[in-house]
Protein backbone atom coordinates (compact mmCIF):
# COMPACT_ATOMS: atom_id res chain seq x y z
CA MET A 1 7.52 -27.37 30.31
CA GLU A 2 6.11 -24.77 32.19
CA THR A 3 2.56 -23.74 31.32
CA THR A 4 0.29 -20.59 31.53
CA LEU A 5 -1.30 -22.15 34.61
CA ASP A 6 2.19 -22.88 36.23
CA ARG A 7 2.92 -19.43 36.09
CA GLY A 8 0.08 -18.43 37.70
CA ILE A 9 -1.46 -16.07 34.94
CA ASP A 10 -4.98 -15.16 34.90
CA VAL A 11 -6.18 -16.81 31.57
CA LYS A 12 -8.99 -14.59 30.93
CA ALA A 13 -7.21 -11.07 31.58
CA GLU A 14 -4.21 -12.44 29.16
CA PHE A 15 -7.11 -13.60 26.61
CA ALA A 16 -8.35 -10.04 27.06
CA ARG A 17 -4.82 -8.30 26.89
CA ARG A 18 -4.26 -10.53 23.40
CA ARG A 19 -7.72 -9.64 21.94
CA LYS A 20 -7.03 -6.25 22.39
CA ALA A 21 -3.60 -5.83 21.11
CA ARG A 22 -5.14 -8.22 18.08
CA ASN A 23 -7.98 -5.34 17.75
CA HIS A 24 -5.47 -2.67 17.88
CA ALA A 25 -3.29 -3.93 15.20
CA MET A 26 -6.47 -4.60 13.21
CA LEU A 27 -7.14 -0.56 13.86
CA GLY A 28 -4.00 -0.22 12.24
CA LEU A 29 -4.18 -2.50 9.23
CA PHE A 30 -7.39 -0.50 8.30
CA VAL A 31 -5.47 2.77 8.49
CA VAL A 32 -2.65 1.56 6.11
CA LEU A 33 -5.54 0.24 4.08
CA CYS A 34 -6.87 3.76 3.71
CA VAL A 35 -3.56 5.59 3.17
CA MET A 36 -2.95 3.34 0.65
CA LEU A 37 -6.57 4.13 -1.28
CA LEU A 38 -5.23 7.96 -0.66
CA VAL A 39 -2.03 7.52 -2.48
CA GLU A 40 -3.75 5.87 -5.41
CA ASN A 41 -6.07 8.98 -5.95
CA LEU A 42 -3.78 11.51 -5.62
CA ASP A 43 -1.90 12.87 -8.16
CA VAL A 44 1.97 12.77 -6.69
CA ASP A 45 5.20 11.46 -7.85
CA ARG A 46 5.74 8.19 -9.31
CA TRP A 47 8.65 7.49 -6.78
CA LEU A 48 7.07 8.80 -3.67
CA ALA A 49 3.75 6.37 -4.99
CA LEU A 50 6.11 3.32 -4.67
CA ALA A 51 7.68 4.34 -1.85
CA LEU A 52 4.14 4.60 0.25
CA PHE A 53 3.03 1.74 -1.39
CA SER A 54 6.02 -0.58 -0.68
CA VAL A 55 6.08 0.90 3.28
CA ASP A 56 2.18 0.07 2.99
CA ILE A 57 2.97 -3.69 2.18
CA LEU A 58 5.86 -4.05 4.64
CA ALA A 59 3.13 -2.74 7.20
CA MET A 60 0.53 -5.12 6.24
CA LEU A 61 2.90 -8.23 6.53
CA ALA A 62 4.25 -6.98 10.01
CA PHE A 63 0.53 -6.96 11.08
CA PHE A 64 -0.13 -10.45 9.82
CA VAL A 65 3.00 -11.74 11.46
CA TYR A 66 2.12 -9.95 14.48
CA ALA A 67 -1.63 -11.26 14.94
CA PHE A 68 -0.23 -14.77 13.83
CA ARG A 69 2.28 -14.65 16.93
CA VAL A 70 -0.58 -12.74 19.42
CA TRP A 71 -3.59 -14.45 18.91
CA ARG A 72 -2.84 -17.82 20.81
CA CYS A 73 -4.46 -19.43 23.66
CA PRO A 74 -2.88 -18.59 26.67
CA VAL A 75 -3.23 -22.09 28.04
CA CYS A 76 -1.62 -24.58 25.10
CA ASN A 77 -0.50 -21.73 23.15
CA LYS A 78 -1.91 -23.12 19.91
CA TYR A 79 -3.10 -20.56 17.15
CA LEU A 80 -6.62 -19.73 17.91
CA GLY A 81 -7.83 -19.94 14.43
CA ALA A 82 -8.91 -16.93 11.46
CA GLN A 83 -12.38 -18.05 12.03
CA SER A 84 -12.29 -16.56 15.42
CA THR A 85 -11.11 -13.22 14.07
CA SER A 86 -14.86 -11.63 13.43
CA PHE A 87 -16.39 -9.00 15.58
CA GLY A 88 -19.72 -9.54 16.93
CA PRO A 89 -21.70 -11.71 19.36
CA LEU A 90 -22.31 -14.69 16.65
CA ARG A 91 -18.42 -15.52 16.50
CA GLN A 92 -17.19 -14.37 19.55
CA LEU A 93 -14.71 -17.11 21.14
CA THR A 94 -15.23 -18.37 24.74
CA SER A 95 -13.11 -21.15 24.61
CA CYS A 96 -10.27 -22.64 22.77
CA PRO A 97 -10.95 -24.84 20.07
CA LYS A 98 -7.76 -27.01 20.73
CA CYS A 99 -8.01 -27.59 24.56
CA GLN A 100 -11.29 -26.02 25.26
CA ALA A 101 -9.80 -24.03 27.82
CA GLU A 102 -12.44 -20.95 29.01
CA LEU A 103 -11.18 -17.73 27.69
CA VAL A 104 -13.81 -15.43 28.40
């Protein structure tokens, strides 16, 4: 089986690209949640509110599937885990918890 290192991909650059993609997806999820709150407080037609709610639920499900597929180690392709999704210097992920590959 061909690994990331065999293909000549820079692990740190690939991890940075995946982290950026995950962060953009999280921003999109935040927007979807804000739309849900706004629609809840508006006095709109019941069917329109139901349609918007359905679209929001589908968008959230798509985010979780996308995040699960993207948030993986570039070396071993294992899921990096939910514990590593917090922002900030205290929870920053520097190496893969599974294969110990240096990510940052």
